[in-house]
PDB file of N, CA and C in Angstrom:
ATOM      1  N   MET A   1      73.327 114.966   7.511  1.00  0.00           N
ATOM      2  CA  MET A   1      74.287 114.376   6.600  1.00  0.00           C
ATOM      3  C   MET A   1      74.666 113.002   7.135  1.00  0.00           C
ATOM      4  N   TRP A   2      74.700 112.033   6.253  1.00  0.00           N
ATOM      5  CA  TRP A   2      75.051 110.656   6.599  1.00  0.00           C
ATOM      6  C   TRP A   2      76.453 110.346   6.117  1.00  0.00           C
ATOM      7  N   HIS A   3      77.167 109.543   6.864  1.00  0.00           N
ATOM      8  CA  HIS A   3      78.489 109.080   6.457  1.00  0.00           C
ATOM      9  C   HIS A   3      78.492 107.561   6.490  1.00  0.00           C
ATOM     10  N   ASP A   4      79.211 106.945   5.521  1.00  0.00           N
ATOM     11  CA  ASP A   4      79.311 105.488   5.517  1.00  0.00           C
ATOM     12  C   ASP A   4      80.766 105.059   5.603  1.00  0.00           C
ATOM     13  N   ASP A   5      80.989 103.754   5.708  1.00  0.00           N
ATOM     14  CA  ASP A   5      82.335 103.207   5.886  1.00  0.00           C
ATOM     15  C   ASP A   5      83.272 103.523   4.731  1.00  0.00           C
ATOM     16  N   SER A   6      82.744 103.682   3.533  1.00  0.00           N
ATOM     17  CA  SER A   6      83.594 103.919   2.367  1.00  0.00           C
ATOM     18  C   SER A   6      83.896 105.400   2.166  1.00  0.00           C
ATOM     19  N   GLY A   7      83.464 106.235   3.099  1.00  0.00           N
ATOM     20  CA  GLY A   7      83.726 107.660   2.992  1.00  0.00           C
ATOM     21  C   GLY A   7      82.652 108.408   2.225  1.00  0.00           C
ATOM     22  N   GLY A   8      81.606 107.708   1.804  1.00  0.00           N
ATOM     23  CA  GLY A   8      80.511 108.360   1.098  1.00  0.00           C
ATOM     24  C   GLY A   8      79.682 109.200   2.050  1.00  0.00           C
ATOM     25  N   LYS A   9      78.946 110.143   1.509  1.00  0.00           N
ATOM     26  CA  LYS A   9      78.064 110.947   2.343  1.00  0.00           C
ATOM     27  C   LYS A   9      76.822 111.321   1.548  1.00  0.00           C
ATOM     28  N   TYR A  10      75.759 111.588   2.260  1.00  0.00           N
ATOM     29  CA  TYR A  10      74.486 111.932   1.657  1.00  0.00           C
ATOM     30  C   TYR A  10      73.843 113.000   2.527  1.00  0.00           C
ATOM     31  N   THR A  11      73.373 114.073   1.922  1.00  0.00           N
ATOM     32  CA  THR A  11      72.712 115.146   2.648  1.00  0.00           C
ATOM     33  C   THR A  11      71.233 115.148   2.297  1.00  0.00           C
ATOM     34  N   TYR A  12      70.378 115.225   3.313  1.00  0.00           N
ATOM     35  CA  TYR A  12      68.941 115.299   3.106  1.00  0.00           C
ATOM     36  C   TYR A  12      68.421 116.534   3.821  1.00  0.00           C
ATOM     37  N   TYR A  13      67.581 117.303   3.151  1.00  0.00           N
ATOM     38  CA  TYR A  13      67.014 118.517   3.731  1.00  0.00           C
ATOM     39  C   TYR A  13      65.592 118.234   4.196  1.00  0.00           C
ATOM     40  N   LEU A  14      65.355 118.437   5.479  1.00  0.00           N
ATOM     41  CA  LEU A  14      64.054 118.145   6.085  1.00  0.00           C
ATOM     42  C   LEU A  14      63.053 119.243   5.790  1.00  0.00           C
ATOM     43  N   GLY A  15      61.822 118.831   5.523  1.00  0.00           N
ATOM     44  CA  GLY A  15      60.765 119.791   5.287  1.00  0.00           C
ATOM     45  C   GLY A  15      59.960 120.090   6.534  1.00  0.00           C
ATOM     46  N   GLN A  16      59.667 119.059   7.320  1.00  0.00           N
ATOM     47  CA  GLN A  16      58.829 119.242   8.497  1.00  0.00           C
ATOM     48  C   GLN A  16      59.056 118.118   9.493  1.00  0.00           C
ATOM     49  N   PRO A  17      58.760 118.384  10.772  1.00  0.00           N
ATOM     50  CA  PRO A  17      58.865 117.319  11.768  1.00  0.00           C
ATOM     51  C   PRO A  17      57.722 116.331  11.608  1.00  0.00           C
ATOM     52  N   GLN A  18      57.807 115.232  12.307  1.00  0.00           N
ATOM     53  CA  GLN A  18      56.798 114.171  12.314  1.00  0.00           C
ATOM     54  C   GLN A  18      56.692 113.444  10.979  1.00  0.00           C
ATOM     55  N   GLN A  19      57.595 113.724  10.049  1.00  0.00           N
ATOM     56  CA  GLN A  19      57.595 113.039   8.760  1.00  0.00           C
ATOM     57  C   GLN A  19      58.698 111.992   8.769  1.00  0.00           C
ATOM     58  N   CYS A  20      58.336 110.756   8.466  1.00  0.00           N
ATOM     59  CA  CYS A  20      59.307 109.669   8.406  1.00  0.00           C
ATOM     60  C   CYS A  20      60.037 109.731   7.067  1.00  0.00           C
ATOM     61  N   ILE A  21      61.345 109.801   7.120  1.00  0.00           N
ATOM     62  CA  ILE A  21      62.171 109.837   5.918  1.00  0.00           C
ATOM     63  C   ILE A  21      62.780 108.450   5.729  1.00  0.00           C
ATOM     64  N   ASN A  22      62.390 107.768   4.671  1.00  0.00           N
ATOM     65  CA  ASN A  22      62.973 106.467   4.336  1.00  0.00           C
ATOM     66  C   ASN A  22      64.264 106.711   3.577  1.00  0.00           C
ATOM     67  N   LEU A  23      65.333 106.086   4.006  1.00  0.00           N
ATOM     68  CA  LEU A  23      66.645 106.364   3.423  1.00  0.00           C
ATOM     69  C   LEU A  23      66.906 105.639   2.112  1.00  0.00           C
ATOM     70  N   SER A  24      66.079 104.744   1.727  1.00  0.00           N
ATOM     71  CA  SER A  24      66.116 104.034   0.441  1.00  0.00           C
ATOM     72  C   SER A  24      67.508 103.955  -0.171  1.00  0.00           C
ATOM     73  N   CYS A  25      67.960 104.965  -0.878  1.00  0.00           N
ATOM     74  CA  CYS A  25      69.272 104.936  -1.556  1.00  0.00           C
ATOM     75  C   CYS A  25      70.432 104.723  -0.585  1.00  0.00           C
ATOM     76  N   TYR A  26      70.244 105.091   0.646  1.00  0.00           N
ATOM     77  CA  TYR A  26      71.317 105.016   1.635  1.00  0.00           C
ATOM     78  C   TYR A  26      71.014 103.959   2.701  1.00  0.00           C
ATOM     79  N   ASN A  27      70.095 103.062   2.398  1.00  0.00           N
ATOM     80  CA  ASN A  27      69.638 102.051   3.347  1.00  0.00           C
ATOM     81  C   ASN A  27      70.792 101.193   3.878  1.00  0.00           C
ATOM     82  N   ASP A  28      70.830 101.042   5.194  1.00  0.00           N
ATOM     83  CA  ASP A  28      71.817 100.187   5.874  1.00  0.00           C
ATOM     84  C   ASP A  28      73.265 100.567   5.576  1.00  0.00           C
ATOM     85  N   ARG A  29      73.541 101.844   5.354  1.00  0.00           N
ATOM     86  CA  ARG A  29      74.907 102.291   5.082  1.00  0.00           C
ATOM     87  C   ARG A  29      75.436 103.302   6.090  1.00  0.00           C
ATOM     88  N   ALA A  30      74.575 103.954   6.845  1.00  0.00           N
ATOM     89  CA  ALA A  30      75.014 105.044   7.722  1.00  0.00           C
ATOM     90  C   ALA A  30      75.803 104.527   8.921  1.00  0.00           C
ATOM     91  N   THR A  31      76.935 105.177   9.173  1.00  0.00           N
ATOM     92  CA  THR A  31      77.739 104.874  10.350  1.00  0.00           C
ATOM     93  C   THR A  31      77.679 106.014  11.367  1.00  0.00           C
ATOM     94  N   SER A  32      77.261 107.201  10.912  1.00  0.00           N
ATOM     95  CA  SER A  32      77.110 108.353  11.792  1.00  0.00           C
ATOM     96  C   SER A  32      76.191 109.358  11.105  1.00  0.00           C
ATOM     97  N   ALA A  33      75.788 110.368  11.861  1.00  0.00           N
ATOM     98  CA  ALA A  33      74.937 111.417  11.300  1.00  0.00           C
ATOM     99  C   ALA A  33      75.218 112.720  12.024  1.00  0.00           C
ATOM    100  N   LYS A  34      74.966 113.821  11.354  1.00  0.00           N
ATOM    101  CA  LYS A  34      74.998 115.121  12.014  1.00  0.00           C
ATOM    102  C   LYS A  34      73.933 115.992  11.378  1.00  0.00           C
ATOM    103  N   TRP A  35      73.510 117.011  12.099  1.00  0.00           N
ATOM    104  CA  TRP A  35      72.422 117.846  11.618  1.00  0.00           C
ATOM    105  C   TRP A  35      72.632 119.283  12.054  1.00  0.00           C
ATOM    106  N   SER A  36      71.904 120.180  11.399  1.00  0.00           N
ATOM    107  CA  SER A  36      71.911 121.593  11.771  1.00  0.00           C
ATOM    108  C   SER A  36      70.587 122.209  11.333  1.00  0.00           C
ATOM    109  N   ASP A  37      70.261 123.329  11.931  1.00  0.00           N
ATOM    110  CA  ASP A  37      69.066 124.095  11.575  1.00  0.00           C
ATOM    111  C   ASP A  37      67.784 123.271  11.628  1.00  0.00           C
ATOM    112  N   ILE A  38      67.641 122.438  12.645  1.00  0.00           N
ATOM    113  CA  ILE A  38      66.424 121.657  12.847  1.00  0.00           C
ATOM    114  C   ILE A  38      65.677 122.262  14.032  1.00  0.00           C
ATOM    115  N   VAL A  39      64.366 122.270  13.963  1.00  0.00           N
ATOM    116  CA  VAL A  39      63.549 122.822  15.033  1.00  0.00           C
ATOM    117  C   VAL A  39      63.980 122.229  16.378  1.00  0.00           C
ATOM    118  N   LYS A  40      64.237 123.103  17.333  1.00  0.00           N
ATOM    119  CA  LYS A  40      64.743 122.655  18.628  1.00  0.00           C
ATOM    120  C   LYS A  40      63.641 122.526  19.674  1.00  0.00           C
ATOM    121  N   TRP A  41      62.574 123.335  19.560  1.00  0.00           N
ATOM    122  CA  TRP A  41      61.478 123.258  20.520  1.00  0.00           C
ATOM    123  C   TRP A  41      60.647 122.016  20.262  1.00  0.00           C
ATOM    124  N   GLY A  42      60.212 121.376  21.344  1.00  0.00           N
ATOM    125  CA  GLY A  42      59.362 120.203  21.188  1.00  0.00           C
ATOM    126  C   GLY A  42      58.700 119.809  22.490  1.00  0.00           C
ATOM    127  N   ALA A  43      57.947 118.744  22.436  1.00  0.00           N
ATOM    128  CA  ALA A  43      57.158 118.271  23.567  1.00  0.00           C
ATOM    129  C   ALA A  43      57.928 117.337  24.500  1.00  0.00           C
ATOM    130  N   PHE A  44      59.213 117.173  24.266  1.00  0.00           N
ATOM    131  CA  PHE A  44      60.031 116.259  25.070  1.00  0.00           C
ATOM    132  C   PHE A  44      60.914 117.088  26.000  1.00  0.00           C
ATOM    133  N   ASP A  45      60.373 117.408  27.172  1.00  0.00           N
ATOM    134  CA  ASP A  45      61.051 118.301  28.122  1.00  0.00           C
ATOM    135  C   ASP A  45      61.431 119.616  27.456  1.00  0.00           C
ATOM    136  N   GLY A  46      60.567 120.106  26.577  1.00  0.00           N
ATOM    137  CA  GLY A  46      60.785 121.383  25.908  1.00  0.00           C
ATOM    138  C   GLY A  46      61.625 121.303  24.648  1.00  0.00           C
ATOM    139  N   ASN A  47      62.078 120.111  24.297  1.00  0.00           N
ATOM    140  CA  ASN A  47      62.954 119.948  23.132  1.00  0.00           C
ATOM    141  C   ASN A  47      62.368 118.971  22.125  1.00  0.00           C
ATOM    142  N   SER A  48      62.832 119.072  20.892  1.00  0.00           N
ATOM    143  CA  SER A  48      62.514 118.048  19.897  1.00  0.00           C
ATOM    144  C   SER A  48      63.636 117.012  19.916  1.00  0.00           C
ATOM    145  N   ARG A  49      63.378 115.862  19.292  1.00  0.00           N
ATOM    146  CA  ARG A  49      64.356 114.774  19.260  1.00  0.00           C
ATOM    147  C   ARG A  49      64.475 114.261  17.838  1.00  0.00           C
ATOM    148  N   ILE A  50      65.618 113.674  17.529  1.00  0.00           N
ATOM    149  CA  ILE A  50      65.802 113.022  16.239  1.00  0.00           C
ATOM    150  C   ILE A  50      65.909 111.521  16.502  1.00  0.00           C
ATOM    151  N   ALA A  51      65.144 110.741  15.738  1.00  0.00           N
ATOM    152  CA  ALA A  51      65.073 109.292  15.953  1.00  0.00           C
ATOM    153  C   ALA A  51      65.512 108.561  14.694  1.00  0.00           C
ATOM    154  N   PHE A  52      66.320 107.529  14.872  1.00  0.00           N
ATOM    155  CA  PHE A  52      66.816 106.699  13.776  1.00  0.00           C
ATOM    156  C   PHE A  52      66.262 105.291  13.956  1.00  0.00           C
ATOM    157  N   TYR A  53      65.731 104.716  12.880  1.00  0.00           N
ATOM    158  CA  TYR A  53      65.060 103.416  12.919  1.00  0.00           C
ATOM    159  C   TYR A  53      65.788 102.408  12.036  1.00  0.00           C
ATOM    160  N   THR A  54      65.726 101.143  12.436  1.00  0.00           N
ATOM    161  CA  THR A  54      66.394 100.092  11.663  1.00  0.00           C
ATOM    162  C   THR A  54      65.524  99.525  10.548  1.00  0.00           C
ATOM    163  N   ASP A  55      64.249  99.891  10.495  1.00  0.00           N
ATOM    164  CA  ASP A  55      63.358  99.424   9.432  1.00  0.00           C
ATOM    165  C   ASP A  55      62.727 100.607   8.702  1.00  0.00           C
ATOM    166  N   ALA A  56      62.187 100.338   7.528  1.00  0.00           N
ATOM    167  CA  ALA A  56      61.494 101.352   6.737  1.00  0.00           C
ATOM    168  C   ALA A  56      60.258 101.850   7.484  1.00  0.00           C
ATOM    169  N   ASP A  57      59.789 103.022   7.087  1.00  0.00           N
ATOM    170  CA  ASP A  57      58.562 103.615   7.628  1.00  0.00           C
ATOM    171  C   ASP A  57      58.619 103.845   9.132  1.00  0.00           C
ATOM    172  N   CYS A  58      59.824 104.115   9.630  1.00  0.00           N
ATOM    173  CA  CYS A  58      60.056 104.430  11.045  1.00  0.00           C
ATOM    174  C   CYS A  58      59.529 103.336  11.969  1.00  0.00           C
ATOM    175  N   LYS A  59      59.979 102.132  11.674  1.00  0.00           N
ATOM    176  CA  LYS A  59      59.651 100.961  12.491  1.00  0.00           C
ATOM    177  C   LYS A  59      60.946 100.242  12.854  1.00  0.00           C
ATOM    178  N   GLY A  60      60.832  99.234  13.688  1.00  0.00           N
ATOM    179  CA  GLY A  60      62.005  98.479  14.104  1.00  0.00           C
ATOM    180  C   GLY A  60      62.664  99.103  15.318  1.00  0.00           C
ATOM    181  N   THR A  61      63.899  98.733  15.554  1.00  0.00           N
ATOM    182  CA  THR A  61      64.662  99.290  16.669  1.00  0.00           C
ATOM    183  C   THR A  61      64.845 100.783  16.445  1.00  0.00           C
ATOM    184  N   VAL A  62      64.674 101.562  17.493  1.00  0.00           N
ATOM    185  CA  VAL A  62      64.818 103.016  17.388  1.00  0.00           C
ATOM    186  C   VAL A  62      65.797 103.509  18.447  1.00  0.00           C
ATOM    187  N   ARG A  63      66.616 104.466  18.053  1.00  0.00           N
ATOM    188  CA  ARG A  63      67.491 105.192  18.978  1.00  0.00           C
ATOM    189  C   ARG A  63      67.233 106.670  18.708  1.00  0.00           C
ATOM    190  N   ASP A  64      67.160 107.464  19.767  1.00  0.00           N
ATOM    191  CA  ASP A  64      66.868 108.882  19.567  1.00  0.00           C
ATOM    192  C   ASP A  64      67.778 109.758  20.412  1.00  0.00           C
ATOM    193  N   TRP A  65      67.959 110.990  19.930  1.00  0.00           N
ATOM    194  CA  TRP A  65      68.806 111.973  20.590  1.00  0.00           C
ATOM    195  C   TRP A  65      68.080 113.305  20.650  1.00  0.00           C
ATOM    196  N   ASP A  66      68.341 114.045  21.713  1.00  0.00           N
ATOM    197  CA  ASP A  66      67.878 115.421  21.818  1.00  0.00           C
ATOM    198  C   ASP A  66      68.527 116.212  20.681  1.00  0.00           C
ATOM    199  N   ILE A  67      67.748 117.052  20.015  1.00  0.00           N
ATOM    200  CA  ILE A  67      68.306 117.868  18.928  1.00  0.00           C
ATOM    201  C   ILE A  67      69.459 118.720  19.451  1.00  0.00           C
ATOM    202  N   LYS A  68      69.327 119.192  20.684  1.00  0.00           N
ATOM    203  CA  LYS A  68      70.392 120.011  21.278  1.00  0.00           C
ATOM    204  C   LYS A  68      71.331 119.158  22.123  1.00  0.00           C
ATOM    205  N   HIS A  69      71.557 117.921  21.714  1.00  0.00           N
ATOM    206  CA  HIS A  69      72.414 116.976  22.448  1.00  0.00           C
ATOM    207  C   HIS A  69      73.736 117.652  22.805  1.00  0.00           C
ATOM    208  N   PRO A  70      74.157 117.583  24.056  1.00  0.00           N
ATOM    209  CA  PRO A  70      75.375 118.291  24.456  1.00  0.00           C
ATOM    210  C   PRO A  70      76.631 117.864  23.696  1.00  0.00           C
ATOM    211  N   ASN A  71      76.692 116.643  23.244  1.00  0.00           N
ATOM    212  CA  ASN A  71      77.864 116.201  22.489  1.00  0.00           C
ATOM    213  C   ASN A  71      77.640 116.304  20.986  1.00  0.00           C
ATOM    214  N   GLY A  72      76.577 116.946  20.590  1.00  0.00           N
ATOM    215  CA  GLY A  72      76.338 117.188  19.171  1.00  0.00           C
ATOM    216  C   GLY A  72      75.577 116.100  18.461  1.00  0.00           C
ATOM    217  N   TYR A  73      76.241 115.034  18.065  1.00  0.00           N
ATOM    218  CA  TYR A  73      75.646 114.045  17.166  1.00  0.00           C
ATOM    219  C   TYR A  73      76.009 112.625  17.599  1.00  0.00           C
ATOM    220  N   PRO A  74      75.256 111.649  17.090  1.00  0.00           N
ATOM    221  CA  PRO A  74      75.704 110.263  17.285  1.00  0.00           C
ATOM    222  C   PRO A  74      76.876 110.014  16.340  1.00  0.00           C
ATOM    223  N   GLY A  75      78.057 110.253  16.807  1.00  0.00           N
ATOM    224  CA  GLY A  75      79.248 110.174  15.967  1.00  0.00           C
ATOM    225  C   GLY A  75      79.618 108.783  15.521  1.00  0.00           C
ATOM    226  N   ASN A  76      79.066 107.781  16.186  1.00  0.00           N
ATOM    227  CA  ASN A  76      79.388 106.409  15.822  1.00  0.00           C
ATOM    228  C   ASN A  76      78.196 105.521  16.172  1.00  0.00           C
ATOM    229  N   PHE A  77      77.399 105.159  15.157  1.00  0.00           N
ATOM    230  CA  PHE A  77      76.223 104.322  15.396  1.00  0.00           C
ATOM    231  C   PHE A  77      76.593 102.943  15.939  1.00  0.00           C
ATOM    232  N   PHE A  78      77.843 102.527  15.789  1.00  0.00           N
ATOM    233  CA  PHE A  78      78.292 101.238  16.318  1.00  0.00           C
ATOM    234  C   PHE A  78      78.064 101.169  17.828  1.00  0.00           C
ATOM    235  N   LEU A  79      78.310 102.273  18.508  1.00  0.00           N
ATOM    236  CA  LEU A  79      78.164 102.310  19.961  1.00  0.00           C
ATOM    237  C   LEU A  79      76.716 102.104  20.399  1.00  0.00           C
ATOM    238  N   ASP A  80      75.776 102.341  19.496  1.00  0.00           N
ATOM    239  CA  ASP A  80      74.353 102.190  19.800  1.00  0.00           C
ATOM    240  C   ASP A  80      73.743 100.963  19.131  1.00  0.00           C
ATOM    241  N   ASP A  81      74.595 100.100  18.577  1.00  0.00           N
ATOM    242  CA  ASP A  81      74.183  98.854  17.926  1.00  0.00           C
ATOM    243  C   ASP A  81      73.231  99.079  16.749  1.00  0.00           C
ATOM    244  N   ILE A  82      73.432 100.189  16.022  1.00  0.00           N
ATOM    245  CA  ILE A  82      72.627 100.442  14.825  1.00  0.00           C
ATOM    246  C   ILE A  82      73.515 100.808  13.634  1.00  0.00           C
ATOM    247  N   ASP A  83      74.802 100.554  13.750  1.00  0.00           N
ATOM    248  CA  ASP A  83      75.752 100.848  12.675  1.00  0.00           C
ATOM    249  C   ASP A  83      75.388 100.066  11.411  1.00  0.00           C
ATOM    250  N   ASN A  84      75.302 100.759  10.290  1.00  0.00           N
ATOM    251  CA  ASN A  84      74.939 100.149   9.003  1.00  0.00           C
ATOM    252  C   ASN A  84      73.588  99.437   9.052  1.00  0.00           C
ATOM    253  N   LYS A  85      72.693  99.917   9.907  1.00  0.00           N
ATOM    254  CA  LYS A  85      71.361  99.314  10.034  1.00  0.00           C
ATOM    255  C   LYS A  85      70.231 100.332   9.860  1.00  0.00           C
ATOM    256  N   ILE A  86      70.540 101.605   9.668  1.00  0.00           N
ATOM    257  CA  ILE A  86      69.524 102.653   9.606  1.00  0.00           C
ATOM    258  C   ILE A  86      68.768 102.601   8.281  1.00  0.00           C
ATOM    259  N   SER A  87      67.433 102.557   8.369  1.00  0.00           N
ATOM    260  CA  SER A  87      66.583 102.563   7.172  1.00  0.00           C
ATOM    261  C   SER A  87      65.682 103.792   7.093  1.00  0.00           C
ATOM    262  N   SER A  88      65.474 104.475   8.221  1.00  0.00           N
ATOM    263  CA  SER A  88      64.615 105.656   8.223  1.00  0.00           C
ATOM    264  C   SER A  88      64.922 106.506   9.455  1.00  0.00           C
ATOM    265  N   PHE A  89      64.431 107.749   9.417  1.00  0.00           N
ATOM    266  CA  PHE A  89      64.585 108.625  10.572  1.00  0.00           C
ATOM    267  C   PHE A  89      63.443 109.631  10.598  1.00  0.00           C
ATOM    268  N   MET A  90      63.292 110.298  11.740  1.00  0.00           N
ATOM    269  CA  MET A  90      62.215 111.263  11.894  1.00  0.00           C
ATOM    270  C   MET A  90      62.566 112.249  13.001  1.00  0.00           C
ATOM    271  N   ILE A  91      62.071 113.474  12.862  1.00  0.00           N
ATOM    272  CA  ILE A  91      62.167 114.467  13.928  1.00  0.00           C
ATOM    273  C   ILE A  91      60.898 114.363  14.761  1.00  0.00           C
ATOM    274  N   TRP A  92      61.067 114.077  16.040  1.00  0.00           N
ATOM    275  CA  TRP A  92      59.935 114.062  16.960  1.00  0.00           C
ATOM    276  C   TRP A  92      59.817 115.467  17.546  1.00  0.00           C
ATOM    277  N   GLN A  93      58.797 116.208  17.162  1.00  0.00           N
ATOM    278  CA  GLN A  93      58.584 117.511  17.768  1.00  0.00           C
ATOM    279  C   GLN A  93      57.399 117.483  18.725  1.00  0.00           C
ATOM    280  N   PHE A  94      56.294 116.919  18.279  1.00  0.00           N
ATOM    281  CA  PHE A  94      55.074 116.907  19.083  1.00  0.00           C
ATOM    282  C   PHE A  94      54.799 115.555  19.731  1.00  0.00           C
ATOM    283  N   SER A  95      55.270 114.483  19.110  1.00  0.00           N
ATOM    284  CA  SER A  95      55.044 113.126  19.611  1.00  0.00           C
ATOM    285  C   SER A  95      55.974 112.181  18.856  1.00  0.00           C
ATOM    286  N   LYS A  96      55.813 110.894  19.104  1.00  0.00           N
ATOM    287  CA  LYS A  96      56.574 109.882  18.372  1.00  0.00           C
ATOM    288  C   LYS A  96      55.776 109.349  17.183  1.00  0.00           C
ATOM    289  N   ASP A  97      54.605 109.915  16.940  1.00  0.00           N
ATOM    290  CA  ASP A  97      53.725 109.463  15.864  1.00  0.00           C
ATOM    291  C   ASP A  97      54.210 109.930  14.494  1.00  0.00           C
ATOM    292  N   VAL A  98      54.069 109.056  13.502  1.00  0.00           N
ATOM    293  CA  VAL A  98      54.395 109.387  12.113  1.00  0.00           C
ATOM    294  C   VAL A  98      53.177 110.056  11.484  1.00  0.00           C
ATOM    295  N   TRP A  99      53.358 111.257  10.927  1.00  0.00           N
ATOM    296  CA  TRP A  99      52.262 111.975  10.281  1.00  0.00           C
ATOM    297  C   TRP A  99      52.338 111.859   8.762  1.00  0.00           C
ATOM    298  N   GLY A 100      53.430 111.356   8.241  1.00  0.00           N
ATOM    299  CA  GLY A 100      53.600 111.190   6.801  1.00  0.00           C
ATOM    300  C   GLY A 100      54.941 110.536   6.534  1.00  0.00           C
ATOM    301  N   THR A 101      55.157 110.095   5.304  1.00  0.00           N
ATOM    302  CA  THR A 101      56.431 109.476   4.939  1.00  0.00           C
ATOM    303  C   THR A 101      56.980 110.114   3.675  1.00  0.00           C
ATOM    304  N   SER A 102      58.279 109.980   3.505  1.00  0.00           N
ATOM    305  CA  SER A 102      58.961 110.508   2.332  1.00  0.00           C
ATOM    306  C   SER A 102      59.927 109.446   1.828  1.00  0.00           C
ATOM    307  N   LEU A 103      60.009 109.326   0.513  1.00  0.00           N
ATOM    308  CA  LEU A 103      60.919 108.370  -0.116  1.00  0.00           C
ATOM    309  C   LEU A 103      61.751 109.137  -1.142  1.00  0.00           C
ATOM    310  N   PRO A 104      62.972 109.574  -0.767  1.00  0.00           N
ATOM    311  CA  PRO A 104      63.796 110.383  -1.670  1.00  0.00           C
ATOM    312  C   PRO A 104      64.123 109.701  -2.995  1.00  0.00           C
ATOM    313  N   CYS A 105      64.257 108.388  -3.005  1.00  0.00           N
ATOM    314  CA  CYS A 105      64.494 107.645  -4.246  1.00  0.00           C
ATOM    315  C   CYS A 105      63.996 106.216  -4.046  1.00  0.00           C
ATOM    316  N   PRO A 106      63.741 105.466  -5.119  1.00  0.00           N
ATOM    317  CA  PRO A 106      63.205 104.106  -4.982  1.00  0.00           C
ATOM    318  C   PRO A 106      64.142 103.190  -4.190  1.00  0.00           C
ATOM    319  N   TRP A 107      63.566 102.223  -3.476  1.00  0.00           N
ATOM    320  CA  TRP A 107      64.354 101.290  -2.674  1.00  0.00           C
ATOM    321  C   TRP A 107      65.349 100.508  -3.519  1.00  0.00           C
ATOM    322  N   ASP A 108      65.005 100.205  -4.754  1.00  0.00           N
ATOM    323  CA  ASP A 108      65.904  99.389  -5.582  1.00  0.00           C
ATOM    324  C   ASP A 108      66.882 100.219  -6.411  1.00  0.00           C
ATOM    325  N   PHE A 109      66.912 101.538  -6.203  1.00  0.00           N
ATOM    326  CA  PHE A 109      67.826 102.409  -6.935  1.00  0.00           C
ATOM    327  C   PHE A 109      69.252 102.159  -6.470  1.00  0.00           C
ATOM    328  N   LYS A 110      70.159 101.944  -7.398  1.00  0.00           N
ATOM    329  CA  LYS A 110      71.571 101.699  -7.072  1.00  0.00           C
ATOM    330  C   LYS A 110      72.412 102.818  -7.680  1.00  0.00           C
ATOM    331  N   CYS A 111      73.235 103.392  -6.862  1.00  0.00           N
ATOM    332  CA  CYS A 111      74.136 104.431  -7.366  1.00  0.00           C
ATOM    333  C   CYS A 111      75.340 104.524  -6.454  1.00  0.00           C
ATOM    334  N   CYS A 112      76.269 105.254  -6.859  1.00  0.00           N
ATOM    335  CA  CYS A 112      77.429 105.482  -5.996  1.00  0.00           C
ATOM    336  C   CYS A 112      77.274 106.858  -5.392  1.00  0.00           C
ATOM    337  N   LEU A 113      77.096 106.885  -4.099  1.00  0.00           N
ATOM    338  CA  LEU A 113      76.957 108.148  -3.392  1.00  0.00           C
ATOM    339  C   LEU A 113      78.340 108.615  -2.995  1.00  0.00           C
ATOM    340  N   GLY A 114      78.588 109.867  -3.187  1.00  0.00           N
ATOM    341  CA  GLY A 114      79.905 110.382  -2.852  1.00  0.00           C
ATOM    342  C   GLY A 114      79.853 111.577  -1.990  1.00  0.00           C
TER     343      GLY A 114
END
C-alpha cells in the first residue's frame, strides 16, 4: 500500500517476484509503503527483498529492504532521498534481474486516488 502527502493511498496486489511493477497512476507520489503476505524466502541471505526505483521499468536510483525488515516498512521515503520519486518497484527473490513488467494503468492516466 502506498501513501502520499495528500492522504491518498493505493493498494497493489503482487502476482509474482522478479516482476517490475510500474506505478504509472501513482508515479512520483509515494511517501511511504507497507506490505504483507509477500514471499519471505529468497537468495539474499535466505530472504527476499523489496526494491523501490526512481525510474520506470525498475531503473534509476534504487533502495531496497529485507521483506522481514525488523522495523517493518520504509515509513518515510524522505529519509532515503526517494520521497515522491518512486516510479516502480519489484520483489527480489532470486536475483535483482527483471523477468517481466506490469503496468496497472497508462502513464498518462489522471485520477484522484483516495
